[in-house]
Each structure stands twice: as structure tokens, then as C-alpha cells.
Amino acid sequence: MKMVILAITAWVLTGVIALLGVSAGSTIWFYMEPVVDTVPDPASYHVAAAAGFLALFLSSVVSVGVTVQAARCNASGKA
């Protein structure tokens, strides 16, 4: 049962990371939209986007791993 709760928590955290990423992206777009094509995009925006996608990818990998481990524990009856 503990592994199932851990798996659910891992997926919730992945969802929160995705939600925060979308929120950050929309905030950046809100402030950059009036000046699109008049000034170049700062390099930090691209670094932040890449870091966000990397965090989401790593969180997804961890969530899949925890889910697989929870399924193994439930199948063997050790949960």
C-alpha cells in the first residue's frame, strides 16, 4: 500500500510540474506578446524552457519507475 501511495504522489508531482510550466509559459507570453518581433528573445527564456522540459521529463521517468515498482510489489504481495 505504501508503494501505491508513493506512485500516486509521484504522478501528482509530475502534474504539478506540468501545470507550473504552463503557467510560467503563459506568463512569459503575456509580457512578451506586445514586443514580439521588435526585440530579440533573451537567451534565458530558452534556457528556462529547456530546464522546465528536462524537469518534466525526469519527473515522468521517476513516476513510471515508481509505478512499475509498485506494480511489482503488489503482484508479489509484498506491499
N, C-alpha and C. Protein backbone atom coordinates (compact mmCIF):
# COMPACT_ATOMS: atom_id res chain seq x y z
N MET A 1 0.81 -1.20 0.00
CA MET A 1 0.00 0.00 0.00
C MET A 1 0.86 1.27 0.00
N LYS A 2 2.00 1.22 0.67
CA LYS A 2 2.86 2.40 0.71
C LYS A 2 3.40 2.74 -0.67
N MET A 3 3.71 1.72 -1.46
CA MET A 3 4.23 1.98 -2.81
C MET A 3 3.16 2.58 -3.71
N VAL A 4 1.92 2.19 -3.52
CA VAL A 4 0.83 2.75 -4.32
C VAL A 4 0.67 4.23 -4.00
N ILE A 5 0.73 4.58 -2.73
CA ILE A 5 0.63 5.98 -2.34
C ILE A 5 1.81 6.77 -2.90
N LEU A 6 2.98 6.17 -2.87
CA LEU A 6 4.17 6.83 -3.43
C LEU A 6 4.01 7.03 -4.93
N ALA A 7 3.46 6.04 -5.63
CA ALA A 7 3.26 6.17 -7.08
C ALA A 7 2.25 7.28 -7.39
N ILE A 8 1.18 7.33 -6.62
CA ILE A 8 0.18 8.38 -6.84
C ILE A 8 0.80 9.75 -6.58
N THR A 9 1.57 9.86 -5.52
CA THR A 9 2.24 11.12 -5.20
C THR A 9 3.21 11.53 -6.31
N ALA A 10 3.93 10.58 -6.86
CA ALA A 10 4.88 10.89 -7.93
C ALA A 10 4.15 11.43 -9.15
N TRP A 11 2.99 10.85 -9.49
CA TRP A 11 2.24 11.34 -10.65
C TRP A 11 1.62 12.70 -10.38
N VAL A 12 1.17 12.92 -9.14
CA VAL A 12 0.63 14.24 -8.79
C VAL A 12 1.72 15.30 -8.92
N LEU A 13 2.92 14.98 -8.45
CA LEU A 13 4.04 15.92 -8.56
C LEU A 13 4.37 16.20 -10.02
N THR A 14 4.33 15.19 -10.87
CA THR A 14 4.56 15.40 -12.30
C THR A 14 3.51 16.33 -12.88
N GLY A 15 2.27 16.14 -12.47
CA GLY A 15 1.20 17.03 -12.93
C GLY A 15 1.39 18.45 -12.46
N VAL A 16 1.85 18.62 -11.23
CA VAL A 16 2.10 19.96 -10.70
C VAL A 16 3.22 20.64 -11.47
N ILE A 17 4.27 19.89 -11.79
CA ILE A 17 5.37 20.45 -12.58
C ILE A 17 4.86 20.89 -13.95
N ALA A 18 4.01 20.09 -14.58
CA ALA A 18 3.45 20.46 -15.88
C ALA A 18 2.57 21.70 -15.76
N LEU A 19 1.75 21.77 -14.72
CA LEU A 19 0.88 22.92 -14.51
C LEU A 19 1.68 24.19 -14.27
N LEU A 20 2.73 24.10 -13.46
CA LEU A 20 3.57 25.27 -13.22
C LEU A 20 4.31 25.70 -14.48
N GLY A 21 4.72 24.73 -15.30
CA GLY A 21 5.39 25.05 -16.56
C GLY A 21 4.47 25.79 -17.52
N VAL A 22 3.23 25.33 -17.62
CA VAL A 22 2.26 26.01 -18.49
C VAL A 22 1.97 27.41 -17.96
N SER A 23 1.86 27.53 -16.65
CA SER A 23 1.62 28.84 -16.04
C SER A 23 2.78 29.79 -16.29
N ALA A 24 3.99 29.30 -16.13
CA ALA A 24 5.17 30.15 -16.38
C ALA A 24 5.24 30.54 -17.85
N GLY A 25 4.97 29.60 -18.74
CA GLY A 25 4.99 29.91 -20.16
C GLY A 25 3.96 30.95 -20.56
N SER A 26 2.76 30.84 -20.00
CA SER A 26 1.73 31.82 -20.34
C SER A 26 2.06 33.20 -19.76
N THR A 27 2.70 33.21 -18.59
CA THR A 27 3.11 34.49 -18.01
C THR A 27 4.17 35.16 -18.88
N ILE A 28 5.15 34.38 -19.32
CA ILE A 28 6.18 34.93 -20.19
C ILE A 28 5.55 35.43 -21.48
N TRP A 29 4.63 34.66 -22.06
CA TRP A 29 3.99 35.08 -23.30
C TRP A 29 3.18 36.37 -23.11
N PHE A 30 2.51 36.49 -21.97
CA PHE A 30 1.72 37.69 -21.68
C PHE A 30 2.60 38.94 -21.71
N TYR A 31 3.79 38.84 -21.13
CA TYR A 31 4.66 40.01 -21.09
C TYR A 31 5.45 40.20 -22.38
N MET A 32 5.66 39.15 -23.15
CA MET A 32 6.45 39.27 -24.37
C MET A 32 5.60 39.55 -25.61
N GLU A 33 4.31 39.26 -25.55
CA GLU A 33 3.46 39.41 -26.73
C GLU A 33 3.47 40.82 -27.33
N PRO A 34 3.42 41.87 -26.53
CA PRO A 34 3.42 43.22 -27.14
C PRO A 34 4.70 43.56 -27.90
N VAL A 35 5.80 42.90 -27.60
CA VAL A 35 7.06 43.25 -28.24
C VAL A 35 7.59 42.14 -29.15
N VAL A 36 6.72 41.20 -29.52
CA VAL A 36 7.16 40.10 -30.39
C VAL A 36 7.68 40.69 -31.71
N ASP A 37 8.80 40.24 -32.14
CA ASP A 37 9.46 40.63 -33.38
C ASP A 37 10.03 42.05 -33.35
N THR A 38 9.95 42.74 -32.22
CA THR A 38 10.58 44.07 -32.15
C THR A 38 11.90 44.00 -31.39
N VAL A 39 12.01 43.05 -30.47
CA VAL A 39 13.26 42.84 -29.73
C VAL A 39 13.55 41.34 -29.74
N PRO A 40 14.80 40.97 -29.74
CA PRO A 40 15.12 39.54 -29.71
C PRO A 40 14.77 38.92 -28.36
N ASP A 41 14.42 37.64 -28.39
CA ASP A 41 14.13 36.93 -27.14
C ASP A 41 15.41 36.76 -26.34
N PRO A 42 15.35 37.01 -25.05
CA PRO A 42 16.53 36.78 -24.21
C PRO A 42 16.88 35.29 -24.19
N ALA A 43 18.14 34.99 -24.14
CA ALA A 43 18.58 33.60 -24.13
C ALA A 43 18.11 32.88 -22.88
N SER A 44 17.89 33.63 -21.81
CA SER A 44 17.46 33.00 -20.57
C SER A 44 16.10 32.34 -20.71
N TYR A 45 15.24 32.83 -21.60
CA TYR A 45 13.94 32.21 -21.81
C TYR A 45 14.10 30.80 -22.38
N HIS A 46 15.03 30.66 -23.31
CA HIS A 46 15.25 29.35 -23.91
C HIS A 46 15.87 28.38 -22.90
N VAL A 47 16.75 28.89 -22.07
CA VAL A 47 17.36 28.06 -21.02
C VAL A 47 16.29 27.64 -20.02
N ALA A 48 15.42 28.55 -19.64
CA ALA A 48 14.35 28.22 -18.70
C ALA A 48 13.39 27.20 -19.28
N ALA A 49 13.06 27.34 -20.55
CA ALA A 49 12.16 26.37 -21.19
C ALA A 49 12.81 25.00 -21.26
N ALA A 50 14.08 24.95 -21.63
CA ALA A 50 14.78 23.67 -21.69
C ALA A 50 14.87 23.02 -20.31
N ALA A 51 15.14 23.81 -19.29
CA ALA A 51 15.20 23.27 -17.93
C ALA A 51 13.84 22.76 -17.48
N GLY A 52 12.79 23.47 -17.84
CA GLY A 52 11.44 23.02 -17.50
C GLY A 52 11.08 21.71 -18.17
N PHE A 53 11.40 21.59 -19.45
CA PHE A 53 11.12 20.33 -20.15
C PHE A 53 11.95 19.18 -19.59
N LEU A 54 13.19 19.47 -19.22
CA LEU A 54 14.04 18.45 -18.62
C LEU A 54 13.47 17.99 -17.28
N ALA A 55 13.01 18.94 -16.46
CA ALA A 55 12.42 18.59 -15.16
C ALA A 55 11.16 17.76 -15.35
N LEU A 56 10.33 18.12 -16.33
CA LEU A 56 9.12 17.35 -16.60
C LEU A 56 9.46 15.95 -17.09
N PHE A 57 10.46 15.84 -17.96
CA PHE A 57 10.87 14.52 -18.47
C PHE A 57 11.40 13.64 -17.34
N LEU A 58 12.29 14.19 -16.52
CA LEU A 58 12.85 13.40 -15.42
C LEU A 58 11.78 13.00 -14.40
N SER A 59 10.85 13.90 -14.13
CA SER A 59 9.76 13.57 -13.21
C SER A 59 8.88 12.46 -13.79
N SER A 60 8.65 12.50 -15.09
CA SER A 60 7.87 11.44 -15.73
C SER A 60 8.58 10.10 -15.65
N VAL A 61 9.89 10.10 -15.87
CA VAL A 61 10.66 8.86 -15.79
C VAL A 61 10.60 8.29 -14.37
N VAL A 62 10.75 9.14 -13.38
CA VAL A 62 10.67 8.69 -11.99
C VAL A 62 9.28 8.15 -11.69
N SER A 63 8.25 8.82 -12.17
CA SER A 63 6.88 8.36 -11.93
C SER A 63 6.63 7.00 -12.56
N VAL A 64 7.12 6.80 -13.76
CA VAL A 64 6.97 5.48 -14.41
C VAL A 64 7.72 4.43 -13.61
N GLY A 65 8.93 4.73 -13.18
CA GLY A 65 9.71 3.77 -12.39
C GLY A 65 9.04 3.40 -11.08
N VAL A 66 8.50 4.40 -10.39
CA VAL A 66 7.82 4.12 -9.12
C VAL A 66 6.55 3.31 -9.37
N THR A 67 5.84 3.61 -10.45
CA THR A 67 4.63 2.86 -10.77
C THR A 67 4.95 1.41 -11.09
N VAL A 68 6.01 1.18 -11.85
CA VAL A 68 6.41 -0.20 -12.17
C VAL A 68 6.81 -0.94 -10.90
N GLN A 69 7.55 -0.29 -10.02
CA GLN A 69 7.95 -0.92 -8.77
C GLN A 69 6.74 -1.23 -7.89
N ALA A 70 5.77 -0.31 -7.85
CA ALA A 70 4.55 -0.54 -7.08
C ALA A 70 3.77 -1.72 -7.64
N ALA A 71 3.73 -1.82 -8.97
CA ALA A 71 3.02 -2.94 -9.59
C ALA A 71 3.72 -4.27 -9.27
N ARG A 72 5.04 -4.25 -9.27
CA ARG A 72 5.79 -5.47 -8.93
C ARG A 72 5.53 -5.88 -7.48
N CYS A 73 5.52 -4.89 -6.58
CA CYS A 73 5.28 -5.20 -5.16
C CYS A 73 3.87 -5.73 -4.95
N ASN A 74 2.90 -5.16 -5.64
CA ASN A 74 1.52 -5.64 -5.50
C ASN A 74 1.35 -7.03 -6.10
N ALA A 75 2.07 -7.29 -7.18
CA ALA A 75 1.97 -8.60 -7.81
C ALA A 75 2.59 -9.69 -6.95
N SER A 76 3.65 -9.36 -6.25
CA SER A 76 4.31 -10.37 -5.41
C SER A 76 3.71 -10.42 -4.00
N GLY A 77 2.82 -9.49 -3.67
CA GLY A 77 2.16 -9.49 -2.38
C GLY A 77 2.99 -8.93 -1.26
N LYS A 78 4.02 -8.12 -1.57
CA LYS A 78 4.89 -7.56 -0.54
C LYS A 78 4.49 -6.14 -0.14
N ALA A 79 3.43 -5.63 -0.74
CA ALA A 79 3.05 -4.24 -0.46
C ALA A 79 2.38 -4.08 0.84
